[in-house]
Protein backbone atom coordinates (compact mmCIF):
# COMPACT_ATOMS: atom_id res chain seq x y z
CA MET A 1 2.28 -50.35 47.40
CA ALA A 2 0.43 -47.53 47.06
CA ARG A 3 -3.39 -47.54 46.15
CA LYS A 4 -4.12 -45.93 42.78
CA LYS A 5 -7.37 -43.35 42.98
CA ASN A 6 -9.75 -44.16 40.49
CA PRO A 7 -10.04 -41.02 38.39
CA THR A 8 -13.76 -41.05 38.34
CA PRO A 9 -15.54 -42.22 41.75
CA MET A 10 -18.02 -44.59 41.29
CA ARG A 11 -21.60 -42.87 42.02
CA ARG A 12 -23.38 -45.08 44.65
CA GLU A 13 -27.18 -44.30 44.73
CA PRO A 14 -29.51 -44.19 47.89
CA SER A 15 -31.18 -47.51 48.98
CA ASP A 16 -34.71 -46.19 48.40
CA ILE A 17 -34.27 -45.90 44.66
CA PHE A 18 -34.01 -49.79 44.91
CA ASN A 19 -36.60 -50.78 47.53
CA ARG A 20 -39.65 -49.65 46.00
CA SER A 21 -42.19 -52.08 47.19
CA ASP A 22 -45.28 -50.57 45.32
CA GLY A 23 -43.34 -51.21 41.66
CA ALA A 24 -44.39 -47.53 40.74
CA ILE A 25 -41.88 -46.11 38.31
CA ASP A 26 -40.18 -42.65 39.46
CA LYS A 27 -40.00 -40.86 36.40
CA HIS A 28 -36.69 -39.00 37.52
CA LEU A 29 -34.69 -41.84 37.52
CA GLY A 30 -33.07 -43.63 34.75
CA TYR A 31 -32.06 -46.85 36.56
CA ARG A 32 -33.58 -50.14 36.60
CA GLN A 33 -35.69 -51.24 39.59
CA VAL A 34 -35.79 -54.23 41.76
CA ASP A 35 -38.83 -55.77 42.52
CA ASN A 36 -39.61 -57.48 46.06
CA LYS A 37 -40.66 -60.89 44.61
CA GLU A 38 -39.04 -64.23 45.09
CA ASN A 39 -35.17 -63.28 45.92
CA GLY A 40 -35.44 -59.56 44.94
CA HIS A 41 -34.40 -59.89 41.54
CA ALA A 42 -34.12 -57.14 39.17
CA SER A 43 -37.41 -56.93 37.00
CA GLY A 44 -35.80 -55.60 34.15
CA ALA A 45 -38.43 -52.63 33.66
CA LEU A 46 -36.97 -49.81 32.72
CA THR A 47 -37.93 -46.54 34.23
CA ALA A 48 -39.68 -43.87 32.08
CA ASN A 49 -36.68 -42.04 30.95
CA HIS A 50 -35.13 -45.16 29.35
CA ALA A 51 -38.65 -46.43 28.10
CA ALA A 52 -39.38 -43.53 26.39
CA GLY A 53 -36.36 -43.45 24.43
CA ALA A 54 -36.56 -46.97 23.85
CA GLN A 55 -39.94 -46.93 22.29
CA LYS A 56 -40.25 -46.51 18.63
CA GLU A 57 -41.82 -43.16 17.14
CA ALA A 58 -45.03 -44.01 15.56
CA GLY A 59 -45.14 -42.11 12.27
CA LEU A 60 -47.39 -41.20 9.52
CA THR A 61 -48.05 -44.72 8.07
CA GLU A 62 -49.07 -46.36 11.25
CA LEU A 63 -51.77 -43.55 12.12
CA VAL A 64 -53.12 -43.83 8.95
CA PHE A 65 -53.64 -47.64 9.18
CA CYS A 66 -55.17 -46.97 13.04
CA VAL A 67 -57.38 -44.62 11.99
CA ALA A 68 -58.82 -47.06 9.07
CA GLY A 69 -58.73 -49.90 11.68
CA ILE A 70 -60.86 -47.76 13.91
CA TYR A 71 -63.39 -46.69 11.09
CA ALA A 72 -63.71 -50.06 9.77
CA SER A 73 -64.39 -51.68 12.86
CA PHE A 74 -66.72 -48.95 14.81
CA LEU A 75 -68.86 -48.31 11.57
CA THR A 76 -69.80 -52.16 11.46
CA TRP A 77 -70.11 -51.98 14.88
CA ALA A 78 -72.52 -49.25 14.92
CA VAL A 79 -74.71 -50.75 11.99
CA LEU A 80 -75.07 -53.88 14.24
CA GLN A 81 -75.81 -51.67 17.34
CA GLU A 82 -78.31 -50.06 15.48
CA ARG A 83 -79.79 -53.32 14.28
CA ILE A 84 -80.07 -55.11 17.85
CA THR A 85 -81.67 -51.94 19.45
CA THR A 86 -84.04 -51.06 16.68
CA THR A 87 -85.40 -54.31 15.30
CA ARG A 88 -88.56 -55.45 16.20
CA TYR A 89 -88.96 -59.10 17.09
CA GLY A 90 -91.89 -61.22 17.35
CA PRO A 91 -95.50 -60.90 15.96
CA PRO A 92 -96.98 -57.59 14.93
CA ALA A 93 -99.39 -57.43 17.44
CA ALA A 94 -97.01 -57.60 20.27
CA PRO A 95 -93.20 -56.69 19.01
CA GLU A 96 -90.19 -56.48 21.22
CA THR A 97 -86.89 -54.77 21.11
CA PHE A 98 -83.65 -55.54 22.56
CA THR A 99 -82.59 -53.11 25.22
CA TYR A 100 -80.32 -54.82 27.49
CA SER A 101 -77.25 -52.64 27.11
CA ILE A 102 -75.36 -53.68 29.70
CA PHE A 103 -75.49 -57.21 28.97
CA LEU A 104 -74.27 -56.20 25.53
CA ASN A 105 -71.38 -53.95 26.96
CA THR A 106 -70.75 -57.32 29.31
CA VAL A 107 -70.53 -59.61 26.26
CA GLN A 108 -68.33 -56.98 24.40
CA SER A 109 -65.81 -56.57 27.22
CA THR A 110 -65.34 -60.08 27.89
CA LEU A 111 -64.48 -60.83 23.90
CA ALA A 112 -62.05 -57.80 24.11
CA ALA A 113 -60.64 -58.91 27.09
CA LEU A 114 -59.82 -62.59 25.15
CA ALA A 115 -58.62 -60.32 22.21
CA GLY A 116 -56.55 -58.15 24.15
CA TYR A 117 -54.84 -61.19 25.73
CA ILE A 118 -54.02 -62.46 22.16
CA TYR A 119 -52.98 -59.26 21.05
CA LEU A 120 -50.42 -58.94 24.00
CA ARG A 121 -49.13 -62.69 23.26
CA LEU A 122 -48.35 -61.72 19.62
CA SER A 123 -47.07 -58.45 20.54
CA SER A 124 -44.19 -59.58 23.07
CA ARG A 125 -43.42 -62.71 21.18
CA SER A 126 -39.78 -61.12 20.58
CA SER A 127 -39.63 -60.01 24.10
CA PRO A 128 -37.45 -62.15 26.41
CA ASN A 129 -40.23 -61.96 29.38
CA SER A 130 -43.19 -63.09 27.43
CA PRO A 131 -45.61 -61.57 27.97
CA PRO A 132 -45.22 -59.10 30.31
CA PRO A 133 -47.71 -58.72 33.41
CA ILE A 134 -51.19 -57.34 32.91
CA PHE A 135 -50.91 -56.06 36.39
CA PRO A 136 -47.55 -55.19 36.87
CA SER A 137 -47.86 -53.59 40.20
CA ARG A 138 -50.05 -52.47 43.25
CA ALA A 139 -50.19 -48.85 42.33
CA ILE A 140 -51.56 -49.12 38.71
CA PHE A 141 -54.60 -50.82 40.20
CA PRO A 142 -56.41 -47.49 41.44
CA PRO A 143 -55.95 -45.67 37.72
CA LEU A 144 -57.00 -48.71 36.05
CA ALA A 145 -59.81 -49.22 38.04
CA LEU A 146 -61.00 -45.45 37.41
CA VAL A 147 -60.71 -45.95 33.75
CA ALA A 148 -62.84 -49.49 34.06
CA ILE A 149 -65.68 -47.77 35.92
CA THR A 150 -65.82 -44.58 33.91
CA SER A 151 -65.94 -46.60 30.66
CA SER A 152 -68.51 -48.99 32.02
CA LEU A 153 -70.63 -46.13 33.07
CA ALA A 154 -70.71 -43.52 30.54
CA SER A 155 -72.87 -45.10 28.16
CA PRO A 156 -75.83 -45.78 30.34
CA PHE A 157 -75.57 -42.14 31.90
CA GLY A 158 -75.74 -40.96 28.09
CA TYR A 159 -78.57 -43.33 27.12
CA ALA A 160 -80.72 -42.11 30.63
CA ALA A 161 -79.77 -38.13 29.65
CA LEU A 162 -81.76 -38.60 26.39
CA LYS A 163 -84.91 -39.20 28.11
CA HIS A 164 -84.91 -35.74 29.54
CA ILE A 165 -83.15 -33.64 26.86
CA ASP A 166 -83.65 -32.92 23.04
CA TYR A 167 -81.65 -34.62 20.63
CA ILE A 168 -79.86 -31.52 19.46
CA THR A 169 -78.40 -30.80 23.00
CA PHE A 170 -77.13 -34.38 23.05
CA ILE A 171 -75.53 -34.19 19.98
CA LEU A 172 -73.62 -30.86 20.66
CA ALA A 173 -72.35 -32.19 23.86
CA LYS A 174 -71.09 -35.42 22.51
CA SER A 175 -69.66 -33.38 19.37
CA CYS A 176 -67.23 -31.47 21.72
CA LYS A 177 -65.96 -34.54 23.70
CA LEU A 178 -62.43 -33.08 23.02
CA LEU A 179 -63.18 -30.03 25.73
CA PRO A 180 -63.60 -32.63 28.75
CA VAL A 181 -60.43 -34.25 27.87
CA MET A 182 -58.37 -31.09 27.38
CA LEU A 183 -59.78 -29.69 30.64
CA LEU A 184 -59.02 -32.81 32.83
CA HIS A 185 -55.45 -32.84 31.26
CA LEU A 186 -55.13 -29.45 32.31
CA THR A 187 -56.99 -29.47 35.78
CA VAL A 188 -56.25 -33.02 37.09
CA PHE A 189 -52.92 -34.09 35.40
CA ARG A 190 -51.46 -30.35 35.10
CA LYS A 191 -50.40 -31.19 31.39
CA SER A 192 -50.21 -27.67 29.37
CA TYR A 193 -50.78 -27.29 25.79
CA PRO A 194 -49.44 -24.98 22.96
CA PHE A 195 -51.99 -22.34 21.99
CA TYR A 196 -52.67 -23.97 18.75
CA LYS A 197 -53.86 -26.85 20.43
CA TYR A 198 -56.67 -24.94 21.90
CA ALA A 199 -57.58 -23.42 18.47
CA VAL A 200 -57.53 -27.00 16.90
CA VAL A 201 -59.70 -28.24 19.68
CA ALA A 202 -62.32 -25.47 19.32
CA ALA A 203 -62.17 -25.69 15.44
CA VAL A 204 -62.98 -29.25 15.64
CA SER A 205 -65.55 -29.34 17.89
CA ALA A 206 -67.71 -26.33 16.37
CA GLY A 207 -67.10 -27.98 12.84
CA VAL A 208 -68.32 -31.46 14.12
CA ALA A 209 -71.03 -30.05 15.97
CA LEU A 210 -72.16 -27.48 12.92
CA PHE A 211 -71.69 -30.43 10.45
CA THR A 212 -74.27 -32.88 12.56
CA ILE A 213 -76.94 -30.07 13.18
CA ALA A 214 -77.34 -29.15 9.94
CA SER A 215 -77.89 -32.58 8.65
CA PRO A 216 -81.22 -33.44 7.48
CA SER A 217 -80.88 -36.91 9.37
CA ALA A 218 -80.07 -35.08 12.62
CA ALA A 219 -83.37 -32.92 12.07
CA ARG A 220 -85.20 -35.79 11.66
CA LYS A 221 -84.06 -37.73 14.47
CA ALA A 222 -84.63 -34.52 16.60
CA SER A 223 -88.23 -34.08 15.77
CA SER A 224 -89.05 -37.81 16.09
CA HIS A 225 -87.09 -37.69 19.72
CA SER A 226 -89.22 -34.37 20.60
CA ALA A 227 -92.52 -36.34 19.44
CA ALA A 228 -91.56 -38.99 21.46
CA ALA A 229 -90.42 -36.81 24.55
CA ALA A 230 -93.73 -35.07 24.54
CA LEU A 231 -95.25 -38.20 25.39
CA ARG A 232 -93.63 -38.77 28.67
CA PRO A 233 -92.47 -36.34 31.69
CA GLY A 234 -88.91 -35.07 31.81
CA ASN A 235 -86.74 -32.70 34.06
CA THR A 236 -84.40 -30.89 31.57
CA THR A 237 -82.17 -30.12 34.71
CA TRP A 238 -81.67 -33.83 35.81
CA GLY A 239 -80.72 -34.70 31.76
CA LEU A 240 -78.08 -31.96 31.68
CA LEU A 241 -76.41 -33.31 35.18
CA LEU A 242 -76.75 -36.78 33.65
CA LEU A 243 -75.20 -35.53 30.15
CA GLY A 244 -72.48 -33.67 32.40
CA VAL A 245 -71.51 -36.97 34.00
CA ASN A 246 -71.45 -38.75 30.76
CA LEU A 247 -68.99 -36.46 29.35
CA LEU A 248 -66.75 -36.27 32.85
CA PHE A 249 -66.56 -39.92 32.73
CA ASP A 250 -65.79 -39.85 28.89
CA GLY A 251 -62.89 -37.34 29.57
CA LEU A 252 -61.79 -39.08 32.78
CA THR A 253 -61.44 -42.24 30.92
CA ASN A 254 -58.92 -40.92 28.27
CA SER A 255 -57.18 -38.46 30.40
CA THR A 256 -56.46 -41.09 32.72
CA GLN A 257 -55.32 -43.62 30.16
CA ASP A 258 -53.01 -40.97 29.04
CA TYR A 259 -51.60 -40.69 32.58
CA ILE A 260 -51.23 -44.22 32.81
CA PHE A 261 -49.01 -44.72 29.73
CA THR A 262 -46.90 -41.84 31.28
CA ALA A 263 -46.51 -42.72 34.46
CA PHE A 264 -46.19 -46.40 34.41
CA ARG A 265 -43.96 -46.91 31.46
CA PRO A 266 -43.04 -49.17 29.81
CA TYR A 267 -47.01 -50.43 30.39
CA GLY A 268 -48.33 -50.50 26.92
CA GLY A 269 -51.50 -50.79 24.98
CA PRO A 270 -52.03 -54.74 24.94
CA GLN A 271 -51.83 -54.56 28.75
CA MET A 272 -54.26 -51.91 29.02
CA MET A 273 -56.67 -53.37 26.83
CA CYS A 274 -56.56 -56.53 28.78
CA ALA A 275 -56.47 -54.96 32.22
CA GLN A 276 -59.58 -52.47 31.59
CA ASN A 277 -61.88 -54.96 29.79
CA ILE A 278 -61.19 -57.94 32.59
CA MET A 279 -61.99 -55.27 35.11
CA SER A 280 -64.92 -53.61 32.94
CA THR A 281 -66.28 -57.54 32.82
CA LEU A 282 -66.06 -57.75 36.31
CA LEU A 283 -67.84 -54.57 37.28
CA THR A 284 -70.85 -54.88 34.81
CA GLY A 285 -71.15 -58.85 35.55
CA ALA A 286 -71.32 -58.12 39.18
CA TYR A 287 -74.09 -55.57 38.21
CA LEU A 288 -76.12 -58.13 36.27
CA LEU A 289 -75.90 -60.72 39.15
CA LEU A 290 -76.99 -58.08 41.75
CA SER A 291 -79.32 -55.86 39.71
CA PRO A 292 -82.33 -57.04 41.23
CA LEU A 293 -81.33 -56.20 44.64
CA LEU A 294 -79.95 -52.51 43.23
CA LEU A 295 -83.32 -51.81 41.59
CA ALA A 296 -85.47 -52.73 44.42
CA SER A 297 -83.47 -50.51 46.56
CA SER A 298 -83.51 -47.14 44.46
CA THR A 299 -85.96 -46.09 41.40
CA HIS A 300 -83.37 -43.46 40.21
CA LEU A 301 -80.71 -46.39 39.74
CA GLY A 302 -83.11 -48.33 37.97
CA GLY A 303 -84.19 -45.41 35.89
CA ILE A 304 -80.57 -44.84 34.94
CA PHE A 305 -78.93 -48.40 34.44
CA SER A 306 -81.63 -50.42 33.55
CA SER A 307 -85.00 -49.02 32.04
CA SER A 308 -85.60 -52.45 30.17
CA ILE A 309 -86.42 -54.56 32.99
CA SER A 310 -89.76 -54.51 33.67
CA SER A 311 -89.68 -55.89 37.08
CA SER A 312 -87.28 -55.33 40.08
CA SER A 313 -87.38 -59.13 40.66
CA GLU A 314 -86.10 -59.90 37.38
CA SER A 315 -82.32 -59.45 36.66
CA GLU A 316 -81.14 -57.84 33.02
CA LEU A 317 -79.12 -60.98 32.66
CA SER A 318 -81.85 -63.34 32.78
CA ALA A 319 -84.01 -61.28 30.58
CA ALA A 320 -81.53 -60.53 28.22
CA LEU A 321 -81.02 -64.57 27.59
CA ALA A 322 -84.56 -65.12 27.72
CA PHE A 323 -84.86 -62.41 24.72
CA ILE A 324 -82.24 -64.46 22.75
CA GLN A 325 -83.94 -67.75 23.58
CA ARG A 326 -86.98 -66.42 22.37
CA HIS A 327 -85.34 -64.60 19.24
CA PRO A 328 -81.87 -66.82 18.44
CA GLN A 329 -81.18 -64.33 15.30
CA VAL A 330 -80.25 -61.50 18.10
CA GLY A 331 -77.66 -63.74 19.47
CA TRP A 332 -75.65 -63.86 16.32
CA ASP A 333 -75.96 -60.04 15.90
CA VAL A 334 -74.50 -59.68 19.71
CA LEU A 335 -71.63 -61.69 19.24
CA GLY A 336 -70.75 -59.90 15.86
CA PHE A 337 -71.46 -56.54 17.83
CA ALA A 338 -68.79 -57.55 20.22
CA ALA A 339 -66.37 -58.82 17.91
CA CYS A 340 -66.13 -55.70 16.06
CA GLY A 341 -66.01 -53.96 19.31
CA ALA A 342 -63.07 -56.00 20.64
CA PHE A 343 -61.48 -55.71 17.14
CA GLY A 344 -61.54 -51.84 17.26
CA GLN A 345 -60.19 -51.46 20.69
CA VAL A 346 -56.93 -53.23 19.25
CA PHE A 347 -56.58 -50.35 17.07
CA ILE A 348 -57.78 -47.65 19.79
CA PHE A 349 -55.21 -48.79 22.53
CA TYR A 350 -52.41 -49.06 19.79
CA THR A 351 -53.43 -45.23 19.08
CA LEU A 352 -53.52 -44.42 22.77
CA ALA A 353 -50.26 -46.07 23.42
CA HIS A 354 -48.39 -44.68 20.37
CA PHE A 355 -50.02 -41.01 19.99
CA SER A 356 -52.68 -39.47 22.30
CA SER A 357 -56.38 -39.37 23.74
CA LEU A 358 -56.66 -36.06 22.22
CA LEU A 359 -55.85 -37.33 18.96
CA LEU A 360 -57.74 -40.60 19.55
CA VAL A 361 -60.95 -38.48 20.41
CA THR A 362 -60.41 -36.24 17.11
CA VAL A 363 -60.75 -39.64 15.28
CA THR A 364 -63.73 -40.94 17.08
CA VAL A 365 -66.00 -37.43 16.94
CA THR A 366 -64.91 -36.97 13.42
CA ARG A 367 -65.69 -40.59 12.42
CA LYS A 368 -69.58 -39.93 11.79
CA MET A 369 -69.01 -36.62 9.75
CA LEU A 370 -66.36 -38.25 7.42
CA THR A 371 -69.01 -41.28 7.13
CA MET A 372 -71.32 -38.92 5.77
CA VAL A 373 -68.91 -37.11 3.64
CA LEU A 374 -68.08 -40.53 1.94
CA SER A 375 -71.72 -41.38 1.20
CA VAL A 376 -71.75 -38.19 -0.50
CA VAL A 377 -69.08 -39.40 -2.79
CA TRP A 378 -70.45 -43.26 -3.10
CA PHE A 379 -73.99 -42.48 -3.19
CA GLY A 380 -74.63 -38.98 -4.25
CA HIS A 381 -76.16 -37.58 -1.25
CA ARG A 382 -76.07 -33.60 -0.95
CA ILE A 383 -74.27 -31.73 1.69
CA GLN A 384 -76.19 -28.74 3.00
CA GLY A 385 -74.47 -25.20 2.97
CA MET A 386 -73.69 -24.93 6.54
CA GLN A 387 -72.53 -28.27 6.68
CA TRP A 388 -69.64 -27.38 3.94
CA ALA A 389 -68.69 -24.75 6.73
CA GLY A 390 -68.42 -27.34 9.44
CA VAL A 391 -66.33 -29.45 6.92
CA GLY A 392 -63.99 -26.44 6.46
CA LEU A 393 -63.61 -25.84 10.18
CA VAL A 394 -62.69 -29.31 10.86
CA PHE A 395 -60.27 -30.17 8.07
CA GLY A 396 -58.92 -26.86 8.39
CA GLY A 397 -58.24 -27.16 11.99
CA ILE A 398 -56.49 -30.68 11.47
CA GLY A 399 -54.50 -29.57 8.61
CA ALA A 400 -53.30 -26.46 10.43
CA GLU A 401 -52.26 -28.46 13.34
CA GLY A 402 -50.40 -30.90 10.98
CA LEU A 403 -48.44 -27.88 9.27
CA ILE A 404 -47.66 -27.04 12.76
CA GLN A 405 -46.25 -29.69 13.87
CA ARG A 406 -44.36 -30.62 10.65
CA ARG A 407 -42.77 -26.92 11.36
CA GLU A 408 -41.72 -27.95 14.93
CA LYS A 409 -40.51 -31.40 13.86
CA ALA A 410 -38.01 -29.69 11.21
CA ALA A 411 -37.02 -27.02 13.73
CA ARG A 412 -36.37 -29.64 16.33
CA ALA A 413 -34.21 -31.63 13.38
CA ARG A 414 -32.10 -28.57 12.75
CA ALA A 415 -31.67 -27.84 16.17
CA LYS A 416 -30.27 -31.46 16.87
CA LYS A 417 -27.96 -31.32 13.63
CA VAL A 418 -26.30 -27.95 15.00
CA VAL A 419 -25.80 -29.74 18.64
CA GLU A 420 -24.10 -32.65 16.98
CA GLU A 421 -21.82 -30.55 14.71
CA GLN A 422 -20.67 -28.50 17.88
CA GLU A 423 -19.86 -31.84 19.62
CA GLU A 424 -18.05 -32.85 16.44
CA LEU A 425 -15.93 -30.05 16.56
CA LYS A 426 -15.10 -29.90 20.36
CA LYS A 427 -14.13 -33.74 19.64
CA LYS A 428 -11.77 -32.40 16.96
CA ALA A 429 -10.58 -29.40 18.92
CA GLU A 430 -9.51 -31.83 22.01
């Protein structure tokens, strides 16, 4: 009996497609990968092409929900942070303030890791492999470690920079956080943007900087900071270097998070929130335990990371716990601060996973400006003339971006419809 030839020969893939031991995802392939655990069973994880198509596109309603959640959480977080770090405790003759920032960050990252795990469990209830692994492969460890390090160290470098530079310089630089994020996307991750994105980033950065500098509160803070700085020696070059490191770490954090979501699909926001905060807690916790040795070996390191410790023989952990024991009310504020930060991170990582780091940074850098605009509506405060120009730049840039993206989306929909009509005509012709 003659052998019947199969009209479409079966395509066989090279064995290296199925023998990736590092678990990394090949973006160019659309097949299920096989891991090297137990009996070499299929992991069921889809590679980038399939995962990207399967992921639901986030819409305007989800964006508004995320922005509202970020604002509500971090406005409360900022109020508690100011209360913790500026309230004078103890007798008027010998008041003391809580200045243990790394202890504060460690408590927050610990609660955020727990919140991230709850978020992961709840978001994956309908998945057959619930919950997905927090660390799915060895290949994901280096970028996650980089995010944990940069996010943990950014704030201490910022606080240290403020000791050597004036407040206006600090605010101007922090208002331009979009620029290092975009620069790192271009240089490190080779990601290009359309021209209008550059224009929007420039408009938003300039608008936020102009609005903040022109505000009366900024002028008061600048004058008080200058008066305080005059009482102690400072090095402007050293301060600018520390500020540059702070901005570099901010940019690396956001751009690396984008890279992880792109290169390790379907790795999601809940997994990253868990992983980043676990690693941050280990990092800052190790510092708290080892800080006496570190501070004793380097005066510069001590000046950057723990200016609050009076003696190199005392760790920040023991000093912070002793402070809370003397003033128990600050402990509740610390827990509230950490809870607000953890809750806010749920919205942040959802935004990162479904939108982009550029959009997230746009939300965070405009938060302060929008808060001041709302205070005008609710409390009748006045906005200065130059501040209105800043508001116009920010909302003009964001509005123009939304209009352009809407037109691009409509054009893609029309092109898709034309392709579908052509395919229908071909089918009828056959």
